[in-house]
């Protein structure tokens, strides 16, 4: 039976641990010069992009190449989801050509519909509601640096967006205590928070970034206005004043606190340039780990 990766909560804790273990293994062997081109020989991944991306496209395309397969980029002009052709028909057509589908879209319902009708695995490369590939790479990064995820406190400073949603779900499954500090009206979706808490997760939603940062093992932030929210950017900059990860906030966190950002960064807004280059900054480790985490996903789903 085919397996999809649409949101973190669709997977069990043991499945996530398996993916993280495989990602670490693939990364270590890749750095040792060991080839993995025999993992997905001849396999093809169709990549649907409604939104442009540096990290998503490059990491999936190179990942497939390193595993011995091929990735095909399909931009907004190639596939007009739900306009020129129904999402159902696109899913059924691509299933006849490719061994897997990755979609980076606006509405989460689009990737859900692709998964419903596709007969090959579907991976959510990003939707407005979830960003599971980013969360998997982030947990890989924290695990590499701290060895043990259980007992780690992750403080997310900013908007309760798709990245926050996936981090909440990953934290709940992997034993990470999660705090989010956001302005009122920018909280993560209530259903996602309540589901995590119902499973025994420690999830705090507060409105004071200093309170969230105090003693945290990880300080994480993201842009205040995501792609598609450009018209709100100026208003959001006003509402999010005081929610920047800077030297003052870092001084409240654990002395060896990791600084994280999924990129791209708007320096001087959600994070200062100085904080992004702090000794414990792992921004570019996160970016690299998108490659290794997604290679593990591809190997698990497409092999």
C-alpha atoms as a PDB file:
ATOM      1  CA  UNK A   1       0.000   0.000   0.000  1.00  0.00           C
ATOM      2  CA  UNK A   2       1.339   3.444  -0.907  1.00  0.00           C
ATOM      3  CA  UNK A   3       2.382   5.849   1.861  1.00  0.00           C
ATOM      4  CA  UNK A   4       2.126   9.655   1.710  1.00  0.00           C
ATOM      5  CA  UNK A   5       3.822  12.436   3.693  1.00  0.00           C
ATOM      6  CA  UNK A   6       1.153  15.134   3.820  1.00  0.00           C
ATOM      7  CA  UNK A   7       1.501  16.213   7.456  1.00  0.00           C
ATOM      8  CA  UNK A   8       3.629  15.089  10.389  1.00  0.00           C
ATOM      9  CA  UNK A   9       0.652  13.876  12.433  1.00  0.00           C
ATOM     10  CA  UNK A  10      -0.174  11.285   9.754  1.00  0.00           C
ATOM     11  CA  UNK A  11       2.978   9.395  10.790  1.00  0.00           C
ATOM     12  CA  UNK A  12       3.704   7.601  14.050  1.00  0.00           C
ATOM     13  CA  UNK A  13       6.598   8.422  16.362  1.00  0.00           C
ATOM     14  CA  UNK A  14       8.382   5.215  15.332  1.00  0.00           C
ATOM     15  CA  UNK A  15       8.023   6.121  11.641  1.00  0.00           C
ATOM     16  CA  UNK A  16       9.519   9.567  12.286  1.00  0.00           C
ATOM     17  CA  UNK A  17      12.405   8.035  14.242  1.00  0.00           C
ATOM     18  CA  UNK A  18      13.031   5.623  11.364  1.00  0.00           C
ATOM     19  CA  UNK A  19      13.176   8.556   8.940  1.00  0.00           C
ATOM     20  CA  UNK A  20      15.580  10.470  11.200  1.00  0.00           C
ATOM     21  CA  UNK A  21      17.813   7.417  11.665  1.00  0.00           C
ATOM     22  CA  UNK A  22      17.940   6.833   7.921  1.00  0.00           C
ATOM     23  CA  UNK A  23      18.656  10.523   7.246  1.00  0.00           C
ATOM     24  CA  UNK A  24      21.626  10.439   9.650  1.00  0.00           C
ATOM     25  CA  UNK A  25      22.907   7.247   8.021  1.00  0.00           C
ATOM     26  CA  UNK A  26      22.609   8.654   4.497  1.00  0.00           C
ATOM     27  CA  UNK A  27      24.271  11.920   5.526  1.00  0.00           C
ATOM     28  CA  UNK A  28      27.237  10.190   7.174  1.00  0.00           C
ATOM     29  CA  UNK A  29      27.792   7.876   4.225  1.00  0.00           C
ATOM     30  CA  UNK A  30      27.409  10.725   1.712  1.00  0.00           C
ATOM     31  CA  UNK A  31      30.084  12.712   3.549  1.00  0.00           C
ATOM     32  CA  UNK A  32      32.299   9.623   3.547  1.00  0.00           C
ATOM     33  CA  UNK A  33      32.008   9.481  -0.244  1.00  0.00           C
ATOM     34  CA  UNK A  34      29.740   6.445  -0.341  1.00  0.00           C
ATOM     35  CA  UNK A  35      27.346   6.500  -3.300  1.00  0.00           C
ATOM     36  CA  UNK A  36      23.620   5.838  -2.904  1.00  0.00           C
ATOM     37  CA  UNK A  37      22.748   5.757  -6.593  1.00  0.00           C
ATOM     38  CA  UNK A  38      21.494   2.206  -6.195  1.00  0.00           C
ATOM     39  CA  UNK A  39      18.665   3.269  -3.844  1.00  0.00           C
ATOM     40  CA  UNK A  40      16.201   4.661  -6.434  1.00  0.00           C
ATOM     41  CA  UNK A  41      17.634   3.666  -9.829  1.00  0.00           C
ATOM     42  CA  UNK A  42      15.362   4.768 -12.657  1.00  0.00           C
ATOM     43  CA  UNK A  43      12.743   6.287 -10.322  1.00  0.00           C
ATOM     44  CA  UNK A  44      11.192   9.651 -11.208  1.00  0.00           C
ATOM     45  CA  UNK A  45       9.757  12.313  -8.913  1.00  0.00           C
ATOM     46  CA  UNK A  46       7.286  14.824 -10.398  1.00  0.00           C
ATOM     47  CA  UNK A  47       7.672  18.157  -8.574  1.00  0.00           C
ATOM     48  CA  UNK A  48       4.675  20.518  -8.690  1.00  0.00           C
ATOM     49  CA  UNK A  49       5.432  24.136  -7.777  1.00  0.00           C
ATOM     50  CA  UNK A  50       2.704  26.724  -7.291  1.00  0.00           C
ATOM     51  CA  UNK A  51       5.238  28.695  -5.206  1.00  0.00           C
ATOM     52  CA  UNK A  52       8.897  29.210  -6.133  1.00  0.00           C
ATOM     53  CA  UNK A  53      11.602  27.953  -3.789  1.00  0.00           C
ATOM     54  CA  UNK A  54      15.371  27.718  -3.555  1.00  0.00           C
ATOM     55  CA  UNK A  55      15.742  25.005  -0.893  1.00  0.00           C
ATOM     56  CA  UNK A  56      12.766  22.820  -1.827  1.00  0.00           C
ATOM     57  CA  UNK A  57      13.579  22.534  -5.516  1.00  0.00           C
ATOM     58  CA  UNK A  58      17.330  22.160  -5.157  1.00  0.00           C
ATOM     59  CA  UNK A  59      17.219  19.668  -2.267  1.00  0.00           C
ATOM     60  CA  UNK A  60      14.615  17.399  -3.881  1.00  0.00           C
ATOM     61  CA  UNK A  61      16.216  17.532  -7.318  1.00  0.00           C
ATOM     62  CA  UNK A  62      19.728  16.866  -6.062  1.00  0.00           C
ATOM     63  CA  UNK A  63      18.391  14.293  -3.599  1.00  0.00           C
ATOM     64  CA  UNK A  64      16.795  12.257  -6.369  1.00  0.00           C
ATOM     65  CA  UNK A  65      19.987  12.464  -8.418  1.00  0.00           C
ATOM     66  CA  UNK A  66      22.115  11.273  -5.501  1.00  0.00           C
ATOM     67  CA  UNK A  67      19.747   8.319  -5.004  1.00  0.00           C
ATOM     68  CA  UNK A  68      20.034   7.351  -8.683  1.00  0.00           C
ATOM     69  CA  UNK A  69      16.681   8.770  -9.791  1.00  0.00           C
ATOM     70  CA  UNK A  70      15.423  11.828 -11.629  1.00  0.00           C
ATOM     71  CA  UNK A  71      13.276  14.806 -10.640  1.00  0.00           C
ATOM     72  CA  UNK A  72      11.049  16.708 -13.060  1.00  0.00           C
ATOM     73  CA  UNK A  73      10.199  20.360 -12.298  1.00  0.00           C
ATOM     74  CA  UNK A  74       6.625  21.424 -13.128  1.00  0.00           C
ATOM     75  CA  UNK A  75       6.109  25.149 -12.580  1.00  0.00           C
ATOM     76  CA  UNK A  76       2.924  27.234 -12.381  1.00  0.00           C
ATOM     77  CA  UNK A  77       2.785  27.579 -16.159  1.00  0.00           C
ATOM     78  CA  UNK A  78       3.200  23.835 -16.692  1.00  0.00           C
ATOM     79  CA  UNK A  79       0.408  22.720 -14.378  1.00  0.00           C
ATOM     80  CA  UNK A  80      -2.443  25.048 -13.455  1.00  0.00           C
ATOM     81  CA  UNK A  81      -3.967  23.041 -10.622  1.00  0.00           C
ATOM     82  CA  UNK A  82      -7.749  23.126 -10.705  1.00  0.00           C
ATOM     83  CA  UNK A  83      -7.855  25.602 -13.608  1.00  0.00           C
ATOM     84  CA  UNK A  84      -6.735  24.084 -16.879  1.00  0.00           C
ATOM     85  CA  UNK A  85      -7.274  20.591 -15.505  1.00  0.00           C
ATOM     86  CA  UNK A  86      -8.747  19.156 -12.311  1.00  0.00           C
ATOM     87  CA  UNK A  87      -6.427  18.182  -9.469  1.00  0.00           C
ATOM     88  CA  UNK A  88      -7.875  14.665  -9.640  1.00  0.00           C
ATOM     89  CA  UNK A  89      -6.949  14.287 -13.309  1.00  0.00           C
ATOM     90  CA  UNK A  90      -3.477  15.719 -12.730  1.00  0.00           C
ATOM     91  CA  UNK A  91      -2.899  13.217  -9.911  1.00  0.00           C
ATOM     92  CA  UNK A  92      -4.084  10.320 -12.047  1.00  0.00           C
ATOM     93  CA  UNK A  93      -1.983  11.390 -15.049  1.00  0.00           C
ATOM     94  CA  UNK A  94       1.206  11.913 -13.073  1.00  0.00           C
ATOM     95  CA  UNK A  95       0.707   8.546 -11.381  1.00  0.00           C
ATOM     96  CA  UNK A  96       1.017   6.898 -14.814  1.00  0.00           C
ATOM     97  CA  UNK A  97       4.339   8.631 -15.505  1.00  0.00           C
ATOM     98  CA  UNK A  98       6.156   9.173 -12.197  1.00  0.00           C
ATOM     99  CA  UNK A  99       6.965   7.049  -9.166  1.00  0.00           C
ATOM    100  CA  UNK A 100       6.172   9.852  -6.732  1.00  0.00           C
ATOM    101  CA  UNK A 101       4.778  13.384  -6.541  1.00  0.00           C
ATOM    102  CA  UNK A 102       6.076  16.313  -4.490  1.00  0.00           C
ATOM    103  CA  UNK A 103       3.862  19.395  -4.345  1.00  0.00           C
ATOM    104  CA  UNK A 104       4.640  22.893  -3.056  1.00  0.00           C
ATOM    105  CA  UNK A 105       1.255  24.626  -3.077  1.00  0.00           C
ATOM    106  CA  UNK A 106      -0.906  27.310  -1.500  1.00  0.00           C
ATOM    107  CA  UNK A 107      -3.995  25.544  -0.167  1.00  0.00           C
ATOM    108  CA  UNK A 108      -3.480  22.437   1.962  1.00  0.00           C
ATOM    109  CA  UNK A 109      -6.602  20.959   0.392  1.00  0.00           C
ATOM    110  CA  UNK A 110      -4.685  20.744  -2.895  1.00  0.00           C
ATOM    111  CA  UNK A 111      -2.017  18.397  -1.548  1.00  0.00           C
ATOM    112  CA  UNK A 112      -4.703  16.395   0.264  1.00  0.00           C
ATOM    113  CA  UNK A 113      -6.585  15.995  -3.013  1.00  0.00           C
ATOM    114  CA  UNK A 114      -3.421  14.973  -4.835  1.00  0.00           C
ATOM    115  CA  UNK A 115      -2.795  12.306  -2.194  1.00  0.00           C
ATOM    116  CA  UNK A 116      -6.412  11.130  -2.369  1.00  0.00           C
ATOM    117  CA  UNK A 117      -6.332  10.432  -6.105  1.00  0.00           C
ATOM    118  CA  UNK A 118      -2.676   9.647  -6.837  1.00  0.00           C
ATOM    119  CA  UNK A 119      -1.712   5.985  -6.922  1.00  0.00           C
ATOM    120  CA  UNK A 120       1.917   6.882  -6.123  1.00  0.00           C
ATOM    121  CA  UNK A 121       3.280   8.477  -2.905  1.00  0.00           C
ATOM    122  CA  UNK A 122       2.657  12.203  -2.445  1.00  0.00           C
ATOM    123  CA  UNK A 123       4.979  14.438  -0.408  1.00  0.00           C
ATOM    124  CA  UNK A 124       3.905  17.842   0.877  1.00  0.00           C
ATOM    125  CA  UNK A 125       6.786  20.173  -0.013  1.00  0.00           C
ATOM    126  CA  UNK A 126       4.843  23.021   1.617  1.00  0.00           C
ATOM    127  CA  UNK A 127       1.249  24.148   1.943  1.00  0.00           C
ATOM    128  CA  UNK A 128      -0.299  27.117   3.719  1.00  0.00           C
ATOM    129  CA  UNK A 129      -1.164  24.884   6.684  1.00  0.00           C
ATOM    130  CA  UNK A 130       1.825  22.535   7.008  1.00  0.00           C
ATOM    131  CA  UNK A 131       5.525  22.257   6.135  1.00  0.00           C
ATOM    132  CA  UNK A 132       6.403  18.696   7.231  1.00  0.00           C
ATOM    133  CA  UNK A 133       9.659  18.415   5.263  1.00  0.00           C
ATOM    134  CA  UNK A 134      11.025  21.467   7.056  1.00  0.00           C
ATOM    135  CA  UNK A 135      10.054  20.115  10.473  1.00  0.00           C
ATOM    136  CA  UNK A 136      11.716  16.774   9.735  1.00  0.00           C
ATOM    137  CA  UNK A 137      14.947  18.528   8.720  1.00  0.00           C
ATOM    138  CA  UNK A 138      14.740  20.714  11.833  1.00  0.00           C
ATOM    139  CA  UNK A 139      14.388  17.728  14.158  1.00  0.00           C
ATOM    140  CA  UNK A 140      17.344  16.115  12.399  1.00  0.00           C
ATOM    141  CA  UNK A 141      19.374  19.287  13.042  1.00  0.00           C
ATOM    142  CA  UNK A 142      18.447  19.465  16.733  1.00  0.00           C
ATOM    143  CA  UNK A 143      19.182  15.771  17.183  1.00  0.00           C
ATOM    144  CA  UNK A 144      22.621  16.150  15.611  1.00  0.00           C
ATOM    145  CA  UNK A 145      23.523  19.006  17.959  1.00  0.00           C
ATOM    146  CA  UNK A 146      21.841  17.877  21.186  1.00  0.00           C
ATOM    147  CA  UNK A 147      21.854  14.076  20.690  1.00  0.00           C
ATOM    148  CA  UNK A 148      18.577  13.668  22.602  1.00  0.00           C
ATOM    149  CA  UNK A 149      15.355  15.353  21.460  1.00  0.00           C
ATOM    150  CA  UNK A 150      13.399  14.329  24.563  1.00  0.00           C
ATOM    151  CA  UNK A 151      13.523  17.084  27.148  1.00  0.00           C
ATOM    152  CA  UNK A 152      14.502  19.785  24.643  1.00  0.00           C
ATOM    153  CA  UNK A 153      12.569  23.056  24.856  1.00  0.00           C
ATOM    154  CA  UNK A 154      11.930  24.742  21.501  1.00  0.00           C
ATOM    155  CA  UNK A 155      10.748  28.356  21.573  1.00  0.00           C
ATOM    156  CA  UNK A 156       9.222  29.586  18.317  1.00  0.00           C
ATOM    157  CA  UNK A 157       9.060  33.390  18.111  1.00  0.00           C
ATOM    158  CA  UNK A 158       6.645  34.693  15.498  1.00  0.00           C
ATOM    159  CA  UNK A 159       3.587  33.793  13.470  1.00  0.00           C
ATOM    160  CA  UNK A 160       1.594  30.616  14.127  1.00  0.00           C
ATOM    161  CA  UNK A 161       2.124  29.552  10.513  1.00  0.00           C
ATOM    162  CA  UNK A 162       2.675  26.342   8.562  1.00  0.00           C
ATOM    163  CA  UNK A 163       6.181  25.835   9.953  1.00  0.00           C
ATOM    164  CA  UNK A 164       4.908  26.279  13.509  1.00  0.00           C
ATOM    165  CA  UNK A 165       2.108  23.772  12.865  1.00  0.00           C
ATOM    166  CA  UNK A 166       4.497  21.085  11.640  1.00  0.00           C
ATOM    167  CA  UNK A 167       6.956  21.765  14.467  1.00  0.00           C
ATOM    168  CA  UNK A 168       4.126  21.374  16.998  1.00  0.00           C
ATOM    169  CA  UNK A 169       3.199  18.000  15.511  1.00  0.00           C
ATOM    170  CA  UNK A 170       6.830  16.825  15.336  1.00  0.00           C
ATOM    171  CA  UNK A 171       7.521  18.016  18.883  1.00  0.00           C
ATOM    172  CA  UNK A 172       4.483  16.135  20.146  1.00  0.00           C
ATOM    173  CA  UNK A 173       5.684  12.856  18.635  1.00  0.00           C
ATOM    174  CA  UNK A 174       9.363  13.198  19.534  1.00  0.00           C
ATOM    175  CA  UNK A 175       9.151  14.464  23.120  1.00  0.00           C
ATOM    176  CA  UNK A 176      10.125  18.105  22.541  1.00  0.00           C
ATOM    177  CA  UNK A 177       8.502  20.799  24.706  1.00  0.00           C
ATOM    178  CA  UNK A 178       7.154  23.507  22.385  1.00  0.00           C
ATOM    179  CA  UNK A 179       6.484  27.175  23.173  1.00  0.00           C
ATOM    180  CA  UNK A 180       5.267  29.768  20.713  1.00  0.00           C
ATOM    181  CA  UNK A 181       5.288  33.505  21.383  1.00  0.00           C
ATOM    182  CA  UNK A 182       3.161  35.491  18.945  1.00  0.00           C
ATOM    183  CA  UNK A 183       1.046  38.651  18.905  1.00  0.00           C
ATOM    184  CA  UNK A 184      -2.621  38.141  19.740  1.00  0.00           C
ATOM    185  CA  UNK A 185      -4.509  36.993  16.668  1.00  0.00           C
ATOM    186  CA  UNK A 186      -1.505  35.121  15.242  1.00  0.00           C
ATOM    187  CA  UNK A 187      -1.767  31.946  17.297  1.00  0.00           C
ATOM    188  CA  UNK A 188      -1.346  28.524  15.642  1.00  0.00           C
ATOM    189  CA  UNK A 189      -4.528  26.717  14.672  1.00  0.00           C
ATOM    190  CA  UNK A 190      -6.403  25.674  17.818  1.00  0.00           C
ATOM    191  CA  UNK A 191      -7.190  22.174  16.518  1.00  0.00           C
ATOM    192  CA  UNK A 192      -3.502  21.417  15.947  1.00  0.00           C
ATOM    193  CA  UNK A 193      -2.523  22.635  19.424  1.00  0.00           C
ATOM    194  CA  UNK A 194      -5.342  20.742  21.123  1.00  0.00           C
ATOM    195  CA  UNK A 195      -4.577  17.510  19.238  1.00  0.00           C
ATOM    196  CA  UNK A 196      -0.930  17.724  20.329  1.00  0.00           C
ATOM    197  CA  UNK A 197      -1.908  18.355  23.937  1.00  0.00           C
ATOM    198  CA  UNK A 198      -4.407  15.507  23.848  1.00  0.00           C
ATOM    199  CA  UNK A 199      -1.516  13.225  22.972  1.00  0.00           C
ATOM    200  CA  UNK A 200       0.374  14.364  26.052  1.00  0.00           C
ATOM    201  CA  UNK A 201       2.570  17.009  24.415  1.00  0.00           C
ATOM    202  CA  UNK A 202       3.737  20.127  26.235  1.00  0.00           C
ATOM    203  CA  UNK A 203       2.594  23.006  24.012  1.00  0.00           C
ATOM    204  CA  UNK A 204       2.452  26.585  25.324  1.00  0.00           C
ATOM    205  CA  UNK A 205       0.938  29.505  23.423  1.00  0.00           C
ATOM    206  CA  UNK A 206       1.981  32.830  24.944  1.00  0.00           C
ATOM    207  CA  UNK A 207       2.319  36.448  23.849  1.00  0.00           C
ATOM    208  CA  UNK A 208       5.579  37.481  25.504  1.00  0.00           C
ATOM    209  CA  UNK A 209       8.718  36.578  23.528  1.00  0.00           C
ATOM    210  CA  UNK A 210      10.931  37.095  26.575  1.00  0.00           C
ATOM    211  CA  UNK A 211       8.915  34.581  28.568  1.00  0.00           C
ATOM    212  CA  UNK A 212       9.131  32.070  25.723  1.00  0.00           C
ATOM    213  CA  UNK A 213      12.885  32.541  25.286  1.00  0.00           C
ATOM    214  CA  UNK A 214      13.781  32.157  28.951  1.00  0.00           C
ATOM    215  CA  UNK A 215      15.864  28.985  29.374  1.00  0.00           C
ATOM    216  CA  UNK A 216      14.986  27.659  25.903  1.00  0.00           C
ATOM    217  CA  UNK A 217      17.319  25.172  24.216  1.00  0.00           C
ATOM    218  CA  UNK A 218      16.254  26.319  20.741  1.00  0.00           C
ATOM    219  CA  UNK A 219      15.158  29.749  19.532  1.00  0.00           C
ATOM    220  CA  UNK A 220      13.352  29.422  16.194  1.00  0.00           C
ATOM    221  CA  UNK A 221      11.809  32.102  14.005  1.00  0.00           C
ATOM    222  CA  UNK A 222      10.353  32.559  10.532  1.00  0.00           C
ATOM    223  CA  UNK A 223       9.253  35.449   8.329  1.00  0.00           C
ATOM    224  CA  UNK A 224       6.335  37.496   9.633  1.00  0.00           C
ATOM    225  CA  UNK A 225       4.558  37.518   6.256  1.00  0.00           C
ATOM    226  CA  UNK A 226       4.636  34.265   4.290  1.00  0.00           C
ATOM    227  CA  UNK A 227       4.427  33.953   0.512  1.00  0.00           C
ATOM    228  CA  UNK A 228       0.944  35.053  -0.533  1.00  0.00           C
ATOM    229  CA  UNK A 229       0.680  37.531   2.368  1.00  0.00           C
ATOM    230  CA  UNK A 230       2.677  40.314   0.748  1.00  0.00           C
ATOM    231  CA  UNK A 231      -0.204  42.804   1.016  1.00  0.00           C
ATOM    232  CA  UNK A 232      -0.205  42.299   4.802  1.00  0.00           C
ATOM    233  CA  UNK A 233       3.556  42.748   5.196  1.00  0.00           C
ATOM    234  CA  UNK A 234       3.520  46.382   6.375  1.00  0.00           C
ATOM    235  CA  UNK A 235       0.727  45.800   8.885  1.00  0.00           C
ATOM    236  CA  UNK A 236       2.421  42.658  10.157  1.00  0.00           C
ATOM    237  CA  UNK A 237       5.704  44.499  10.701  1.00  0.00           C
ATOM    238  CA  UNK A 238       3.862  46.806  13.109  1.00  0.00           C
ATOM    239  CA  UNK A 239       2.081  43.988  14.944  1.00  0.00           C
ATOM    240  CA  UNK A 240       5.256  41.920  15.318  1.00  0.00           C
ATOM    241  CA  UNK A 241       7.431  44.699  16.768  1.00  0.00           C
ATOM    242  CA  UNK A 242       9.261  43.225  19.745  1.00  0.00           C
ATOM    243  CA  UNK A 243       9.155  39.692  18.351  1.00  0.00           C
ATOM    244  CA  UNK A 244      12.627  39.709  16.802  1.00  0.00           C
ATOM    245  CA  UNK A 245      15.267  37.151  17.698  1.00  0.00           C
ATOM    246  CA  UNK A 246      18.166  39.382  18.698  1.00  0.00           C
ATOM    247  CA  UNK A 247      20.996  39.513  21.212  1.00  0.00           C
ATOM    248  CA  UNK A 248      18.681  40.482  24.076  1.00  0.00           C
ATOM    249  CA  UNK A 249      16.408  37.493  23.456  1.00  0.00           C
ATOM    250  CA  UNK A 250      19.384  35.163  23.078  1.00  0.00           C
ATOM    251  CA  UNK A 251      20.718  36.303  26.454  1.00  0.00           C
ATOM    252  CA  UNK A 252      17.591  34.894  28.108  1.00  0.00           C
ATOM    253  CA  UNK A 253      17.872  31.468  26.503  1.00  0.00           C
ATOM    254  CA  UNK A 254      20.144  28.582  27.471  1.00  0.00           C
ATOM    255  CA  UNK A 255      23.826  29.581  27.032  1.00  0.00           C
ATOM    256  CA  UNK A 256      24.221  26.958  24.271  1.00  0.00           C
ATOM    257  CA  UNK A 257      20.841  27.683  22.709  1.00  0.00           C
ATOM    258  CA  UNK A 258      20.535  26.815  19.023  1.00  0.00           C
ATOM    259  CA  UNK A 259      19.360  29.636  16.736  1.00  0.00           C
ATOM    260  CA  UNK A 260      17.092  28.389  13.936  1.00  0.00           C
ATOM    261  CA  UNK A 261      15.316  29.889  10.926  1.00  0.00           C
ATOM    262  CA  UNK A 262      13.883  27.965   7.951  1.00  0.00           C
ATOM    263  CA  UNK A 263      14.912  30.753   5.512  1.00  0.00           C
ATOM    264  CA  UNK A 264      14.657  32.990   3.589  1.00  0.00           C
ATOM    265  CA  UNK A 265      15.364  35.531   6.337  1.00  0.00           C
ATOM    266  CA  UNK A 266      14.432  39.201   6.488  1.00  0.00           C
ATOM    267  CA  UNK A 267      17.309  40.514   8.552  1.00  0.00           C
ATOM    268  CA  UNK A 268      16.300  43.322  10.855  1.00  0.00           C
ATOM    269  CA  UNK A 269      12.736  42.016  11.098  1.00  0.00           C
ATOM    270  CA  UNK A 270      12.163  38.537  12.588  1.00  0.00           C
ATOM    271  CA  UNK A 271      15.908  38.077  13.243  1.00  0.00           C
ATOM    272  CA  UNK A 272      18.943  40.308  13.332  1.00  0.00           C
ATOM    273  CA  UNK A 273      21.900  39.495  11.141  1.00  0.00           C
ATOM    274  CA  UNK A 274      24.082  39.240  14.244  1.00  0.00           C
ATOM    275  CA  UNK A 275      21.792  36.636  15.852  1.00  0.00           C
ATOM    276  CA  UNK A 276      21.700  34.638  12.620  1.00  0.00           C
ATOM    277  CA  UNK A 277      25.517  34.380  12.745  1.00  0.00           C
ATOM    278  CA  UNK A 278      25.793  33.653  16.465  1.00  0.00           C
ATOM    279  CA  UNK A 279      28.173  30.802  17.446  1.00  0.00           C
ATOM    280  CA  UNK A 280      25.259  28.406  17.939  1.00  0.00           C
ATOM    281  CA  UNK A 281      23.364  29.407  14.802  1.00  0.00           C
ATOM    282  CA  UNK A 282      22.361  26.364  12.722  1.00  0.00           C
ATOM    283  CA  UNK A 283      20.465  28.102   9.907  1.00  0.00           C
ATOM    284  CA  UNK A 284      22.573  26.579   7.170  1.00  0.00           C
ATOM    285  CA  UNK A 285      22.731  23.184   8.876  1.00  0.00           C
ATOM    286  CA  UNK A 286      18.927  23.223   8.645  1.00  0.00           C
ATOM    287  CA  UNK A 287      19.127  24.109   4.974  1.00  0.00           C
ATOM    288  CA  UNK A 288      21.590  21.287   4.282  1.00  0.00           C
ATOM    289  CA  UNK A 289      19.507  18.827   6.272  1.00  0.00           C
ATOM    290  CA  UNK A 290      16.532  19.402   3.992  1.00  0.00           C
ATOM    291  CA  UNK A 291      18.562  17.353   1.488  1.00  0.00           C
ATOM    292  CA  UNK A 292      19.310  14.481   3.853  1.00  0.00           C
ATOM    293  CA  UNK A 293      15.893  14.329   5.516  1.00  0.00           C
ATOM    294  CA  UNK A 294      14.129  14.343   2.153  1.00  0.00           C
ATOM    295  CA  UNK A 295      16.466  11.681   0.755  1.00  0.00           C
ATOM    296  CA  UNK A 296      15.379   9.500   3.669  1.00  0.00           C
ATOM    297  CA  UNK A 297      11.715  10.210   2.865  1.00  0.00           C
ATOM    298  CA  UNK A 298      12.239   9.419  -0.803  1.00  0.00           C
ATOM    299  CA  UNK A 299      14.026   6.180   0.004  1.00  0.00           C
ATOM    300  CA  UNK A 300      11.284   5.105   2.407  1.00  0.00           C
ATOM    301  CA  UNK A 301       8.395   6.016   0.101  1.00  0.00           C
ATOM    302  CA  UNK A 302       9.676   5.322  -3.420  1.00  0.00           C
ATOM    303  CA  UNK A 303      11.992   2.320  -3.066  1.00  0.00           C
END
